[in-house]
Amino acid sequence: MPHWAMVIDLRNCIGCGACAVTCGMANTTETNMWRRVFDCGTLPGAERRRLSLPMSCMQCRKPPCHEVCPTTATYIRADGIVDIDPDKCIGCGYCVIACPYLARVIILRNDALQEGRVMAALSDEHARGDAYCNVATKCNFCKRRVDEGLARGLKPGLDHAATPACVVNCTANALHFGDLDDPQSPVSHLLQESRVMCLQEEIGTQPALYYVVDDTLEVDFAAGSRRES
């Protein structure tokens, strides 16, 4: 069984926001709902390099949202993807509060209808339009693309049709996806060869989303841990 992960190379990210726009289009949500790109300002130094920080659900191995869910709507798949069963979610918002990465959102039915949003992409089994309002939603690594690609014999992270839409449409080749347990996958190579940090790893969530940095990126990721190549 694979264990999916995403690696974001901050050395390449230009903050264009293409990943956020693509996420909204692929999942029938608003831009900046499941994926956001933060402008962290200009870094010190002669190059005056600007830092952009893409963020989404971290697909934690020990997600706080899972622990507080009273209906078991939030669950962890065998491949590590953290997902939400909309039929079990009661919209209590406990998971929204528990997530330290602000990665979850509840869409109110009235707001969704007023703005014309159609939440049709949240279920693999069927689409029920605004019935998915008033429940928690978030990034799930485009699980439908991943699952359907695997069923067709494709390799997520290498074959576009089986890879999350944000990764495929990254204009700067900053986003990478693949199987952590496969030493030949794109993410495994990056983790082995690069200096990598996770957000707030000290709180024990064990994110499956990693950031590649270099010596010019002296960034305090809330005491995020580092791996040295």
C-alpha atoms as a PDB file:
ATOM      1  CA  MET A   1       0.000   0.000   0.000  1.00  0.00           C
ATOM      2  CA  PRO A   2       1.486   3.390  -0.977  1.00  0.00           C
ATOM      3  CA  HIS A   3       1.735   6.318   1.402  1.00  0.00           C
ATOM      4  CA  TRP A   4       1.056   9.521  -0.509  1.00  0.00           C
ATOM      5  CA  ALA A   5       2.877  12.746   0.248  1.00  0.00           C
ATOM      6  CA  MET A   6       3.478  16.150  -1.302  1.00  0.00           C
ATOM      7  CA  VAL A   7       6.721  18.091  -1.384  1.00  0.00           C
ATOM      8  CA  ILE A   8       6.730  21.829  -2.138  1.00  0.00           C
ATOM      9  CA  ASP A   9      10.030  23.298  -3.282  1.00  0.00           C
ATOM     10  CA  LEU A  10      10.073  26.842  -1.905  1.00  0.00           C
ATOM     11  CA  ARG A  11      13.176  27.563  -3.950  1.00  0.00           C
ATOM     12  CA  ASN A  12      11.027  27.397  -7.082  1.00  0.00           C
ATOM     13  CA  CYS A  13       7.643  28.698  -5.926  1.00  0.00           C
ATOM     14  CA  ILE A  14       6.924  32.128  -7.452  1.00  0.00           C
ATOM     15  CA  GLY A  15       3.637  32.740  -5.648  1.00  0.00           C
ATOM     16  CA  CYS A  16       1.585  32.832  -8.848  1.00  0.00           C
ATOM     17  CA  GLY A  17      -1.414  31.133  -7.221  1.00  0.00           C
ATOM     18  CA  ALA A  18      -1.984  28.744 -10.126  1.00  0.00           C
ATOM     19  CA  CYS A  19      -2.259  25.838  -7.690  1.00  0.00           C
ATOM     20  CA  ALA A  20      -5.054  27.574  -5.756  1.00  0.00           C
ATOM     21  CA  VAL A  21      -6.963  28.452  -8.922  1.00  0.00           C
ATOM     22  CA  THR A  22      -6.578  24.931 -10.291  1.00  0.00           C
ATOM     23  CA  CYS A  23      -7.702  23.417  -6.993  1.00  0.00           C
ATOM     24  CA  GLY A  24     -10.908  25.436  -7.099  1.00  0.00           C
ATOM     25  CA  MET A  25     -11.621  24.441 -10.687  1.00  0.00           C
ATOM     26  CA  ALA A  26     -10.834  20.749 -10.191  1.00  0.00           C
ATOM     27  CA  ASN A  27     -12.896  20.411  -7.017  1.00  0.00           C
ATOM     28  CA  THR A  28     -15.725  22.821  -7.827  1.00  0.00           C
ATOM     29  CA  THR A  29     -14.850  25.091  -4.928  1.00  0.00           C
ATOM     30  CA  GLU A  30     -13.745  28.680  -4.601  1.00  0.00           C
ATOM     31  CA  THR A  31     -10.156  29.704  -5.228  1.00  0.00           C
ATOM     32  CA  ASN A  32      -8.214  29.870  -1.939  1.00  0.00           C
ATOM     33  CA  MET A  33     -10.675  27.595  -0.172  1.00  0.00           C
ATOM     34  CA  TRP A  34      -8.738  24.326   0.016  1.00  0.00           C
ATOM     35  CA  ARG A  35      -5.375  25.620  -1.168  1.00  0.00           C
ATOM     36  CA  ARG A  36      -3.899  29.031  -0.432  1.00  0.00           C
ATOM     37  CA  VAL A  37      -0.623  30.767  -1.211  1.00  0.00           C
ATOM     38  CA  PHE A  38       0.638  33.184   1.427  1.00  0.00           C
ATOM     39  CA  ASP A  39       2.985  36.048   0.658  1.00  0.00           C
ATOM     40  CA  CYS A  40       5.558  35.947   3.465  1.00  0.00           C
ATOM     41  CA  GLY A  41       7.348  39.089   2.326  1.00  0.00           C
ATOM     42  CA  THR A  42      10.901  39.733   1.213  1.00  0.00           C
ATOM     43  CA  LEU A  43      13.743  37.824   2.797  1.00  0.00           C
ATOM     44  CA  PRO A  44      16.820  39.653   4.049  1.00  0.00           C
ATOM     45  CA  GLY A  45      19.894  39.688   1.838  1.00  0.00           C
ATOM     46  CA  ALA A  46      21.193  41.326  -1.289  1.00  0.00           C
ATOM     47  CA  GLU A  47      18.939  39.300  -3.587  1.00  0.00           C
ATOM     48  CA  ARG A  48      15.768  40.569  -1.891  1.00  0.00           C
ATOM     49  CA  ARG A  49      14.172  37.212  -2.518  1.00  0.00           C
ATOM     50  CA  ARG A  50      10.419  36.972  -1.961  1.00  0.00           C
ATOM     51  CA  LEU A  51       8.988  33.975  -0.109  1.00  0.00           C
ATOM     52  CA  SER A  52       5.620  32.447  -0.997  1.00  0.00           C
ATOM     53  CA  LEU A  53       4.141  29.649   1.106  1.00  0.00           C
ATOM     54  CA  PRO A  54       1.516  27.348  -0.458  1.00  0.00           C
ATOM     55  CA  MET A  55      -0.653  25.627   2.138  1.00  0.00           C
ATOM     56  CA  SER A  56      -3.439  23.065   2.232  1.00  0.00           C
ATOM     57  CA  CYS A  57      -4.433  20.106   4.375  1.00  0.00           C
ATOM     58  CA  MET A  58      -1.216  18.510   5.609  1.00  0.00           C
ATOM     59  CA  GLN A  59      -2.655  14.967   5.485  1.00  0.00           C
ATOM     60  CA  CYS A  60      -1.268  14.378   8.977  1.00  0.00           C
ATOM     61  CA  ARG A  61      -0.515  10.888  10.174  1.00  0.00           C
ATOM     62  CA  LYS A  62      -1.860  11.926  13.580  1.00  0.00           C
ATOM     63  CA  PRO A  63      -4.473  14.545  12.661  1.00  0.00           C
ATOM     64  CA  PRO A  64      -6.124  16.460  15.522  1.00  0.00           C
ATOM     65  CA  CYS A  65      -9.254  16.792  13.367  1.00  0.00           C
ATOM     66  CA  HIS A  66      -9.648  13.018  13.431  1.00  0.00           C
ATOM     67  CA  GLU A  67      -9.373  12.863  17.195  1.00  0.00           C
ATOM     68  CA  VAL A  68     -12.149  15.392  17.857  1.00  0.00           C
ATOM     69  CA  CYS A  69     -14.674  14.263  15.241  1.00  0.00           C
ATOM     70  CA  PRO A  70     -17.739  13.000  17.181  1.00  0.00           C
ATOM     71  CA  THR A  71     -19.276  11.033  14.295  1.00  0.00           C
ATOM     72  CA  THR A  72     -16.197   9.401  12.700  1.00  0.00           C
ATOM     73  CA  ALA A  73     -16.847  11.468   9.574  1.00  0.00           C
ATOM     74  CA  THR A  74     -13.135  12.252   9.418  1.00  0.00           C
ATOM     75  CA  TYR A  75     -11.156   9.125   8.654  1.00  0.00           C
ATOM     76  CA  ILE A  76      -7.650   8.120   7.563  1.00  0.00           C
ATOM     77  CA  ARG A  77      -7.339   5.953   4.492  1.00  0.00           C
ATOM     78  CA  ALA A  78      -4.828   3.127   4.337  1.00  0.00           C
ATOM     79  CA  ASP A  79      -2.745   5.213   1.919  1.00  0.00           C
ATOM     80  CA  GLY A  80      -2.521   8.084   4.420  1.00  0.00           C
ATOM     81  CA  ILE A  81      -5.073  10.448   2.856  1.00  0.00           C
ATOM     82  CA  VAL A  82      -7.248  12.103   5.491  1.00  0.00           C
ATOM     83  CA  ASP A  83     -10.781  12.463   4.171  1.00  0.00           C
ATOM     84  CA  ILE A  84     -14.310  13.361   5.257  1.00  0.00           C
ATOM     85  CA  ASP A  85     -17.496  11.324   4.796  1.00  0.00           C
ATOM     86  CA  PRO A  86     -20.141  13.988   4.037  1.00  0.00           C
ATOM     87  CA  ASP A  87     -22.926  11.567   4.970  1.00  0.00           C
ATOM     88  CA  LYS A  88     -21.587  11.344   8.532  1.00  0.00           C
ATOM     89  CA  CYS A  89     -20.510  14.960   9.017  1.00  0.00           C
ATOM     90  CA  ILE A  90     -22.935  17.057  11.090  1.00  0.00           C
ATOM     91  CA  GLY A  91     -21.125  20.349  10.562  1.00  0.00           C
ATOM     92  CA  CYS A  92     -20.263  20.792  14.235  1.00  0.00           C
ATOM     93  CA  GLY A  93     -16.989  22.536  13.375  1.00  0.00           C
ATOM     94  CA  TYR A  94     -14.859  20.733  15.968  1.00  0.00           C
ATOM     95  CA  CYS A  95     -12.383  19.727  13.269  1.00  0.00           C
ATOM     96  CA  VAL A  96     -12.166  23.291  11.965  1.00  0.00           C
ATOM     97  CA  ILE A  97     -11.118  24.476  15.411  1.00  0.00           C
ATOM     98  CA  ALA A  98      -8.759  21.545  16.013  1.00  0.00           C
ATOM     99  CA  CYS A  99      -6.799  21.889  12.756  1.00  0.00           C
ATOM    100  CA  PRO A 100      -3.596  23.860  13.479  1.00  0.00           C
ATOM    101  CA  TYR A 101      -3.179  24.592   9.761  1.00  0.00           C
ATOM    102  CA  LEU A 102      -6.571  26.263   9.182  1.00  0.00           C
ATOM    103  CA  ALA A 103      -7.133  23.770   6.381  1.00  0.00           C
ATOM    104  CA  ARG A 104     -10.828  23.034   6.855  1.00  0.00           C
ATOM    105  CA  VAL A 105     -13.894  25.036   5.922  1.00  0.00           C
ATOM    106  CA  ILE A 106     -17.647  24.668   6.313  1.00  0.00           C
ATOM    107  CA  ILE A 107     -19.702  26.142   3.494  1.00  0.00           C
ATOM    108  CA  LEU A 108     -23.027  27.519   4.660  1.00  0.00           C
ATOM    109  CA  ARG A 109     -25.953  26.508   2.462  1.00  0.00           C
ATOM    110  CA  ASN A 110     -27.381  30.017   2.111  1.00  0.00           C
ATOM    111  CA  ASP A 111     -24.028  31.486   1.148  1.00  0.00           C
ATOM    112  CA  ALA A 112     -23.376  28.713  -1.358  1.00  0.00           C
ATOM    113  CA  LEU A 113     -26.749  29.105  -3.030  1.00  0.00           C
ATOM    114  CA  GLN A 114     -26.461  32.866  -3.120  1.00  0.00           C
ATOM    115  CA  GLU A 115     -23.043  32.742  -4.752  1.00  0.00           C
ATOM    116  CA  GLY A 116     -24.005  29.941  -7.117  1.00  0.00           C
ATOM    117  CA  ARG A 117     -21.426  27.446  -5.872  1.00  0.00           C
ATOM    118  CA  VAL A 118     -22.075  23.784  -6.620  1.00  0.00           C
ATOM    119  CA  MET A 119     -20.324  21.344  -4.293  1.00  0.00           C
ATOM    120  CA  ALA A 120     -20.532  18.404  -6.678  1.00  0.00           C
ATOM    121  CA  ALA A 121     -17.006  17.045  -6.389  1.00  0.00           C
ATOM    122  CA  LEU A 122     -16.912  16.073  -2.744  1.00  0.00           C
ATOM    123  CA  SER A 123     -18.199  12.516  -3.151  1.00  0.00           C
ATOM    124  CA  ASP A 124     -16.732   9.770  -5.304  1.00  0.00           C
ATOM    125  CA  GLU A 125     -20.028   7.877  -5.358  1.00  0.00           C
ATOM    126  CA  HIS A 126     -22.475  10.561  -6.398  1.00  0.00           C
ATOM    127  CA  ALA A 127     -22.942  14.287  -6.779  1.00  0.00           C
ATOM    128  CA  ARG A 128     -25.683  16.026  -4.837  1.00  0.00           C
ATOM    129  CA  GLY A 129     -25.002  19.682  -5.422  1.00  0.00           C
ATOM    130  CA  ASP A 130     -25.770  21.923  -2.468  1.00  0.00           C
ATOM    131  CA  ALA A 131     -26.398  18.898  -0.232  1.00  0.00           C
ATOM    132  CA  TYR A 132     -22.699  19.137   0.618  1.00  0.00           C
ATOM    133  CA  CYS A 133     -23.124  22.528   2.170  1.00  0.00           C
ATOM    134  CA  ASN A 134     -23.063  22.729   5.974  1.00  0.00           C
ATOM    135  CA  VAL A 135     -20.440  19.972   6.232  1.00  0.00           C
ATOM    136  CA  ALA A 136     -16.673  20.185   6.666  1.00  0.00           C
ATOM    137  CA  THR A 137     -14.579  20.108   3.496  1.00  0.00           C
ATOM    138  CA  LYS A 138     -10.871  20.186   2.666  1.00  0.00           C
ATOM    139  CA  CYS A 139      -8.145  19.035   0.289  1.00  0.00           C
ATOM    140  CA  ASN A 140      -7.896  15.268  -0.099  1.00  0.00           C
ATOM    141  CA  PHE A 141      -4.973  15.124  -2.553  1.00  0.00           C
ATOM    142  CA  CYS A 142      -7.495  14.866  -5.429  1.00  0.00           C
ATOM    143  CA  LYS A 143      -8.215  11.311  -4.311  1.00  0.00           C
ATOM    144  CA  ARG A 144     -10.547  10.680  -7.229  1.00  0.00           C
ATOM    145  CA  ARG A 145      -7.765  11.391  -9.740  1.00  0.00           C
ATOM    146  CA  VAL A 146      -5.330   9.240  -7.752  1.00  0.00           C
ATOM    147  CA  ASP A 147      -7.718   6.298  -7.375  1.00  0.00           C
ATOM    148  CA  GLU A 148      -8.948   6.352 -10.949  1.00  0.00           C
ATOM    149  CA  GLY A 149      -5.397   6.665 -12.217  1.00  0.00           C
ATOM    150  CA  LEU A 150      -4.260   3.669 -10.205  1.00  0.00           C
ATOM    151  CA  ALA A 151      -7.183   1.652 -11.550  1.00  0.00           C
ATOM    152  CA  ARG A 152      -5.933   2.457 -15.053  1.00  0.00           C
ATOM    153  CA  GLY A 153      -2.397   1.376 -14.223  1.00  0.00           C
ATOM    154  CA  LEU A 154      -1.052   4.926 -14.028  1.00  0.00           C
ATOM    155  CA  LYS A 155       1.545   6.149 -11.536  1.00  0.00           C
ATOM    156  CA  PRO A 156       0.593   9.124  -9.341  1.00  0.00           C
ATOM    157  CA  GLY A 157       3.312  11.748  -9.350  1.00  0.00           C
ATOM    158  CA  LEU A 158       4.503  10.771 -12.824  1.00  0.00           C
ATOM    159  CA  ASP A 159       1.346  10.421 -14.899  1.00  0.00           C
ATOM    160  CA  HIS A 160      -0.638  13.667 -14.972  1.00  0.00           C
ATOM    161  CA  ALA A 161      -4.047  11.996 -15.037  1.00  0.00           C
ATOM    162  CA  ALA A 162      -3.288  10.281 -11.706  1.00  0.00           C
ATOM    163  CA  THR A 163      -1.682  13.264  -9.980  1.00  0.00           C
ATOM    164  CA  PRO A 164      -3.336  16.057  -7.937  1.00  0.00           C
ATOM    165  CA  ALA A 165      -4.412  18.936 -10.162  1.00  0.00           C
ATOM    166  CA  CYS A 166      -2.360  21.516  -8.262  1.00  0.00           C
ATOM    167  CA  VAL A 167       0.839  19.565  -8.915  1.00  0.00           C
ATOM    168  CA  VAL A 168       0.094  19.111 -12.610  1.00  0.00           C
ATOM    169  CA  ASN A 169      -0.622  22.815 -13.119  1.00  0.00           C
ATOM    170  CA  CYS A 170       2.189  24.317 -11.043  1.00  0.00           C
ATOM    171  CA  THR A 171       3.838  26.816 -13.384  1.00  0.00           C
ATOM    172  CA  ALA A 172       7.185  26.720 -11.578  1.00  0.00           C
ATOM    173  CA  ASN A 173       7.510  22.957 -11.013  1.00  0.00           C
ATOM    174  CA  ALA A 174       7.504  23.592  -7.276  1.00  0.00           C
ATOM    175  CA  LEU A 175       4.897  20.980  -6.311  1.00  0.00           C
ATOM    176  CA  HIS A 176       5.664  17.259  -6.317  1.00  0.00           C
ATOM    177  CA  PHE A 177       3.580  14.214  -5.395  1.00  0.00           C
ATOM    178  CA  GLY A 178       4.278  10.546  -4.918  1.00  0.00           C
ATOM    179  CA  ASP A 179       4.638   7.504  -2.710  1.00  0.00           C
ATOM    180  CA  LEU A 180       6.879   7.916   0.337  1.00  0.00           C
ATOM    181  CA  ASP A 181       7.427   4.166   0.435  1.00  0.00           C
ATOM    182  CA  ASP A 182       8.751   4.103  -3.126  1.00  0.00           C
ATOM    183  CA  PRO A 183      12.439   5.128  -3.109  1.00  0.00           C
ATOM    184  CA  GLN A 184      12.182   6.007  -6.816  1.00  0.00           C
ATOM    185  CA  SER A 185       9.233   8.372  -6.471  1.00  0.00           C
ATOM    186  CA  PRO A 186       9.696  12.129  -7.016  1.00  0.00           C
ATOM    187  CA  VAL A 187       8.989  12.909  -3.378  1.00  0.00           C
ATOM    188  CA  SER A 188      11.421  10.291  -2.094  1.00  0.00           C
ATOM    189  CA  HIS A 189      14.205  11.727  -4.233  1.00  0.00           C
ATOM    190  CA  LEU A 190      13.537  15.243  -2.963  1.00  0.00           C
ATOM    191  CA  LEU A 191      13.465  14.134   0.666  1.00  0.00           C
ATOM    192  CA  GLN A 192      16.744  12.283   0.255  1.00  0.00           C
ATOM    193  CA  GLU A 193      18.555  15.054  -1.589  1.00  0.00           C
ATOM    194  CA  SER A 194      17.187  18.252  -0.057  1.00  0.00           C
ATOM    195  CA  ARG A 195      16.879  20.205   3.133  1.00  0.00           C
ATOM    196  CA  VAL A 196      13.264  19.756   4.184  1.00  0.00           C
ATOM    197  CA  MET A 197      10.984  21.275   6.817  1.00  0.00           C
ATOM    198  CA  CYS A 198       7.442  20.585   8.007  1.00  0.00           C
ATOM    199  CA  LEU A 199       5.038  23.085   9.537  1.00  0.00           C
ATOM    200  CA  GLN A 200       4.614  22.806  13.300  1.00  0.00           C
ATOM    201  CA  GLU A 201       5.962  19.282  13.384  1.00  0.00           C
ATOM    202  CA  GLU A 202       6.794  19.754  17.046  1.00  0.00           C
ATOM    203  CA  ILE A 203       3.106  19.395  17.947  1.00  0.00           C
ATOM    204  CA  GLY A 204       3.176  15.774  16.794  1.00  0.00           C
ATOM    205  CA  THR A 205       0.788  15.852  13.841  1.00  0.00           C
ATOM    206  CA  GLN A 206       3.344  14.234  11.508  1.00  0.00           C
ATOM    207  CA  PRO A 207       2.414  16.057   8.285  1.00  0.00           C
ATOM    208  CA  ALA A 208       2.712  14.382   4.896  1.00  0.00           C
ATOM    209  CA  LEU A 209       3.372  17.731   3.254  1.00  0.00           C
ATOM    210  CA  TYR A 210       7.014  18.812   3.217  1.00  0.00           C
ATOM    211  CA  TYR A 211       8.779  22.045   2.211  1.00  0.00           C
ATOM    212  CA  VAL A 212      12.175  22.128   0.520  1.00  0.00           C
ATOM    213  CA  VAL A 213      14.323  25.070   1.623  1.00  0.00           C
ATOM    214  CA  ASP A 214      17.919  26.183   1.172  1.00  0.00           C
ATOM    215  CA  ASP A 215      20.395  28.302   3.110  1.00  0.00           C
ATOM    216  CA  THR A 216      18.887  31.527   1.778  1.00  0.00           C
ATOM    217  CA  LEU A 217      15.494  30.665   3.228  1.00  0.00           C
ATOM    218  CA  GLU A 218      16.032  31.400   6.890  1.00  0.00           C
ATOM    219  CA  VAL A 219      12.395  30.953   7.780  1.00  0.00           C
ATOM    220  CA  ASP A 220      10.933  30.194  11.191  1.00  0.00           C
ATOM    221  CA  PHE A 221       8.232  27.628  10.534  1.00  0.00           C
ATOM    222  CA  ALA A 222       7.035  27.693  14.130  1.00  0.00           C
ATOM    223  CA  ALA A 223      10.017  25.572  15.158  1.00  0.00           C
ATOM    224  CA  GLY A 224       9.431  23.189  12.255  1.00  0.00           C
ATOM    225  CA  SER A 225      11.861  20.294  12.116  1.00  0.00           C
ATOM    226  CA  ARG A 226      14.546  19.947   9.455  1.00  0.00           C
ATOM    227  CA  ARG A 227      16.096  17.102   7.556  1.00  0.00           C
ATOM    228  CA  GLU A 228      19.617  17.427   6.263  1.00  0.00           C
ATOM    229  CA  SER A 229      20.709  15.570   3.144  1.00  0.00           C
END
